[in-house]
């Protein structure tokens, strides 16, 4: 669970978006279906409808991932932490 008692430092959706580096990633693709989406690790967004190829991942250096202690990568292709846990 990302929000709630299992995570030491839950972030608001606004904090996710302000710290997000998804749009600087080599894998990121601008998408007409979800033009405002970034922070693919956030459960509201999850994986991209347009990104299908893994071309490098910056998730490991993302402050959101570090603050939330997320363990997965390639959220844009594979889905949010919760989606990848299933």
N, C-alpha and C. Protein backbone atom coordinates (compact mmCIF):
# COMPACT_ATOMS: atom_id res chain seq x y z
N UNK A 1 0.84 -1.18 0.00
CA UNK A 1 0.00 0.00 0.00
C UNK A 1 0.89 1.24 0.00
N UNK A 2 0.65 2.15 -0.91
CA UNK A 2 1.49 3.33 -1.01
C UNK A 2 1.06 4.41 -0.03
N UNK A 3 -0.22 4.70 0.08
CA UNK A 3 -0.68 5.69 1.03
C UNK A 3 -1.17 4.97 2.27
N UNK A 4 -0.84 5.47 3.42
CA UNK A 4 -1.30 4.84 4.65
C UNK A 4 -0.16 4.52 5.58
N UNK A 5 -0.42 3.64 6.49
CA UNK A 5 0.52 3.36 7.57
C UNK A 5 1.71 2.51 7.18
N UNK A 6 1.68 1.84 6.06
CA UNK A 6 2.79 0.98 5.67
C UNK A 6 3.99 1.75 5.14
N UNK A 7 3.80 3.00 4.76
CA UNK A 7 4.87 3.83 4.24
C UNK A 7 5.18 4.91 5.27
N UNK A 8 6.46 5.13 5.54
CA UNK A 8 6.85 6.10 6.55
C UNK A 8 6.54 7.53 6.16
N UNK A 9 6.69 7.87 4.90
CA UNK A 9 6.55 9.25 4.45
C UNK A 9 5.59 9.37 3.28
N UNK A 10 4.28 9.27 3.51
CA UNK A 10 3.37 9.39 2.37
C UNK A 10 3.44 10.79 1.76
N UNK A 11 3.35 10.85 0.45
CA UNK A 11 3.38 12.12 -0.28
C UNK A 11 2.02 12.39 -0.88
N UNK A 12 1.65 13.64 -0.92
CA UNK A 12 0.40 14.01 -1.59
C UNK A 12 0.61 13.90 -3.10
N UNK A 13 -0.48 13.90 -3.84
CA UNK A 13 -0.40 13.86 -5.30
C UNK A 13 0.39 15.05 -5.83
N UNK A 14 0.21 16.22 -5.21
CA UNK A 14 0.92 17.42 -5.63
C UNK A 14 2.43 17.27 -5.40
N UNK A 15 2.81 16.66 -4.27
CA UNK A 15 4.23 16.43 -3.99
C UNK A 15 4.82 15.45 -4.99
N UNK A 16 4.07 14.40 -5.32
CA UNK A 16 4.50 13.45 -6.34
C UNK A 16 4.85 14.21 -7.62
N UNK A 17 3.92 15.05 -8.06
CA UNK A 17 4.10 15.75 -9.33
C UNK A 17 5.24 16.76 -9.28
N UNK A 18 5.45 17.40 -8.14
CA UNK A 18 6.52 18.39 -8.05
C UNK A 18 7.90 17.74 -8.01
N UNK A 19 8.01 16.52 -7.51
CA UNK A 19 9.29 15.82 -7.42
C UNK A 19 9.56 14.90 -8.62
N UNK A 20 8.54 14.65 -9.39
CA UNK A 20 8.61 13.68 -10.49
C UNK A 20 9.64 14.05 -11.56
N UNK A 21 10.38 13.05 -12.03
CA UNK A 21 11.35 13.25 -13.11
C UNK A 21 11.00 12.42 -14.35
N UNK A 22 9.81 11.86 -14.39
CA UNK A 22 9.41 10.99 -15.50
C UNK A 22 9.64 11.64 -16.88
N UNK A 23 9.30 12.91 -17.02
CA UNK A 23 9.40 13.56 -18.32
C UNK A 23 10.83 13.78 -18.78
N UNK A 24 11.81 13.56 -17.91
CA UNK A 24 13.22 13.69 -18.30
C UNK A 24 13.84 12.34 -18.65
N UNK A 25 13.09 11.29 -18.52
CA UNK A 25 13.58 9.93 -18.72
C UNK A 25 13.71 9.59 -20.21
N UNK A 26 14.73 8.81 -20.60
CA UNK A 26 14.87 8.42 -22.01
C UNK A 26 13.71 7.57 -22.52
N UNK A 27 12.99 6.90 -21.63
CA UNK A 27 11.86 6.07 -22.03
C UNK A 27 10.59 6.89 -22.23
N UNK A 28 10.51 8.07 -21.64
CA UNK A 28 9.30 8.88 -21.69
C UNK A 28 8.91 9.26 -23.12
N UNK A 29 7.63 9.16 -23.42
CA UNK A 29 7.07 9.54 -24.71
C UNK A 29 5.85 10.42 -24.44
N UNK A 30 5.78 11.55 -25.11
CA UNK A 30 4.60 12.43 -25.02
C UNK A 30 3.41 11.65 -25.57
N UNK A 31 2.26 11.78 -24.92
CA UNK A 31 1.14 10.92 -25.26
C UNK A 31 -0.16 11.71 -25.35
N UNK A 32 -0.86 11.60 -26.46
CA UNK A 32 -2.13 12.30 -26.63
C UNK A 32 -3.22 11.75 -25.71
N UNK A 33 -3.20 10.43 -25.45
CA UNK A 33 -4.23 9.83 -24.60
C UNK A 33 -4.15 10.33 -23.16
N UNK A 34 -2.93 10.59 -22.69
CA UNK A 34 -2.74 11.04 -21.31
C UNK A 34 -1.71 12.16 -21.28
N UNK A 35 -2.04 13.33 -21.85
CA UNK A 35 -1.06 14.40 -22.01
C UNK A 35 -0.52 14.98 -20.71
N UNK A 36 -1.30 15.01 -19.66
CA UNK A 36 -0.86 15.63 -18.42
C UNK A 36 -0.24 14.63 -17.45
N UNK A 37 -0.21 13.37 -17.83
CA UNK A 37 0.25 12.34 -16.90
C UNK A 37 1.76 12.32 -16.80
N UNK A 38 2.21 12.31 -15.58
CA UNK A 38 3.57 11.98 -15.23
C UNK A 38 3.47 11.37 -13.84
N UNK A 39 4.54 11.02 -13.22
CA UNK A 39 4.51 10.32 -11.93
C UNK A 39 3.80 8.98 -12.09
N UNK A 40 4.30 8.19 -13.01
CA UNK A 40 3.69 6.89 -13.30
C UNK A 40 3.69 5.95 -12.10
N UNK A 41 4.55 6.22 -11.11
CA UNK A 41 4.57 5.38 -9.91
C UNK A 41 3.36 5.64 -9.02
N UNK A 42 2.68 6.78 -9.23
CA UNK A 42 1.51 7.12 -8.43
C UNK A 42 0.34 6.22 -8.85
N UNK A 43 -0.38 5.64 -7.89
CA UNK A 43 -1.46 4.71 -8.24
C UNK A 43 -2.59 5.33 -9.06
N UNK A 44 -2.77 6.64 -9.00
CA UNK A 44 -3.79 7.30 -9.81
C UNK A 44 -3.44 7.24 -11.29
N UNK A 45 -2.15 7.28 -11.61
CA UNK A 45 -1.71 7.30 -12.99
C UNK A 45 -1.35 5.91 -13.51
N UNK A 46 -0.39 5.25 -12.88
CA UNK A 46 0.04 3.94 -13.35
C UNK A 46 0.74 4.02 -14.70
N UNK A 47 0.77 2.92 -15.40
CA UNK A 47 1.55 2.88 -16.64
C UNK A 47 0.95 3.72 -17.76
N UNK A 48 1.80 4.08 -18.68
CA UNK A 48 1.42 4.92 -19.81
C UNK A 48 0.66 4.12 -20.85
N UNK A 49 -0.26 4.79 -21.52
CA UNK A 49 -0.99 4.18 -22.63
C UNK A 49 -0.14 4.17 -23.90
N UNK A 50 0.94 4.96 -23.92
CA UNK A 50 1.74 5.13 -25.13
C UNK A 50 3.16 4.56 -25.04
N UNK A 51 3.72 4.52 -23.86
CA UNK A 51 5.11 4.06 -23.72
C UNK A 51 5.13 2.54 -23.73
N UNK A 52 5.83 1.98 -24.70
CA UNK A 52 5.89 0.52 -24.82
C UNK A 52 7.31 -0.03 -24.82
N UNK A 53 8.30 0.83 -25.07
CA UNK A 53 9.69 0.38 -25.13
C UNK A 53 10.49 0.93 -23.97
N UNK A 54 11.30 0.08 -23.37
CA UNK A 54 12.19 0.48 -22.29
C UNK A 54 13.50 0.95 -22.90
N UNK A 55 13.80 2.26 -22.75
CA UNK A 55 14.99 2.84 -23.36
C UNK A 55 15.96 3.39 -22.32
N UNK A 56 15.78 3.01 -21.09
CA UNK A 56 16.58 3.51 -19.98
C UNK A 56 15.64 4.00 -18.90
N UNK A 57 16.03 3.84 -17.65
CA UNK A 57 15.15 4.16 -16.54
C UNK A 57 15.85 5.05 -15.52
N UNK A 58 15.21 6.17 -15.19
CA UNK A 58 15.74 7.10 -14.19
C UNK A 58 15.06 6.91 -12.83
N UNK A 59 14.19 5.94 -12.71
CA UNK A 59 13.45 5.75 -11.46
C UNK A 59 14.38 5.64 -10.25
N UNK A 60 15.51 4.99 -10.41
CA UNK A 60 16.42 4.80 -9.30
C UNK A 60 16.94 6.10 -8.70
N UNK A 61 16.98 7.17 -9.49
CA UNK A 61 17.47 8.46 -9.00
C UNK A 61 16.33 9.42 -8.65
N UNK A 62 15.09 8.96 -8.74
CA UNK A 62 13.93 9.81 -8.48
C UNK A 62 13.69 9.97 -6.99
N UNK A 63 13.46 11.21 -6.57
CA UNK A 63 13.21 11.49 -5.16
C UNK A 63 11.89 10.90 -4.68
N UNK A 64 10.91 10.78 -5.58
CA UNK A 64 9.64 10.15 -5.20
C UNK A 64 9.90 8.70 -4.81
N UNK A 65 10.62 7.99 -5.66
CA UNK A 65 10.92 6.57 -5.39
C UNK A 65 11.68 6.42 -4.09
N UNK A 66 12.64 7.30 -3.85
CA UNK A 66 13.44 7.24 -2.63
C UNK A 66 12.59 7.55 -1.40
N UNK A 67 11.82 8.63 -1.46
CA UNK A 67 11.00 9.03 -0.30
C UNK A 67 9.94 7.98 0.03
N UNK A 68 9.36 7.38 -1.00
CA UNK A 68 8.30 6.40 -0.79
C UNK A 68 8.84 4.98 -0.59
N UNK A 69 10.16 4.83 -0.73
CA UNK A 69 10.80 3.53 -0.57
C UNK A 69 10.19 2.48 -1.51
N UNK A 70 9.97 2.92 -2.76
CA UNK A 70 9.42 2.03 -3.77
C UNK A 70 10.52 1.08 -4.25
N UNK A 71 10.16 -0.13 -4.56
CA UNK A 71 11.19 -1.11 -4.93
C UNK A 71 11.21 -1.45 -6.42
N UNK A 72 10.19 -1.08 -7.16
CA UNK A 72 10.13 -1.42 -8.58
C UNK A 72 10.69 -0.30 -9.46
N UNK A 73 10.80 -0.60 -10.75
CA UNK A 73 11.31 0.34 -11.76
C UNK A 73 10.39 0.31 -12.97
N UNK A 74 10.66 1.15 -13.94
CA UNK A 74 9.89 1.23 -15.19
C UNK A 74 8.39 1.32 -14.93
N UNK A 75 8.01 2.23 -14.05
CA UNK A 75 6.59 2.42 -13.73
C UNK A 75 5.79 2.83 -14.96
N UNK A 76 6.40 3.54 -15.89
CA UNK A 76 5.70 3.99 -17.10
C UNK A 76 5.30 2.83 -18.00
N UNK A 77 6.06 1.75 -17.97
CA UNK A 77 5.78 0.59 -18.82
C UNK A 77 5.08 -0.52 -18.03
N UNK A 78 5.48 -0.71 -16.77
CA UNK A 78 5.00 -1.84 -15.98
C UNK A 78 3.90 -1.50 -14.98
N UNK A 79 3.68 -0.22 -14.75
CA UNK A 79 2.62 0.21 -13.85
C UNK A 79 3.15 0.69 -12.51
N UNK A 80 2.24 1.22 -11.71
CA UNK A 80 2.58 1.76 -10.38
C UNK A 80 3.11 0.65 -9.49
N UNK A 81 3.61 1.03 -8.34
CA UNK A 81 4.10 0.05 -7.36
C UNK A 81 3.01 -0.96 -7.04
N UNK A 82 1.81 -0.47 -6.80
CA UNK A 82 0.68 -1.36 -6.49
C UNK A 82 0.36 -2.29 -7.64
N UNK A 83 0.40 -1.79 -8.87
CA UNK A 83 0.11 -2.63 -10.04
C UNK A 83 1.18 -3.70 -10.20
N UNK A 84 2.43 -3.37 -9.93
CA UNK A 84 3.51 -4.35 -10.08
C UNK A 84 3.51 -5.37 -8.94
N UNK A 85 2.91 -5.05 -7.83
CA UNK A 85 2.84 -5.98 -6.71
C UNK A 85 1.85 -7.12 -6.97
N UNK A 86 0.90 -6.89 -7.87
CA UNK A 86 -0.15 -7.91 -8.13
C UNK A 86 0.39 -9.10 -8.87
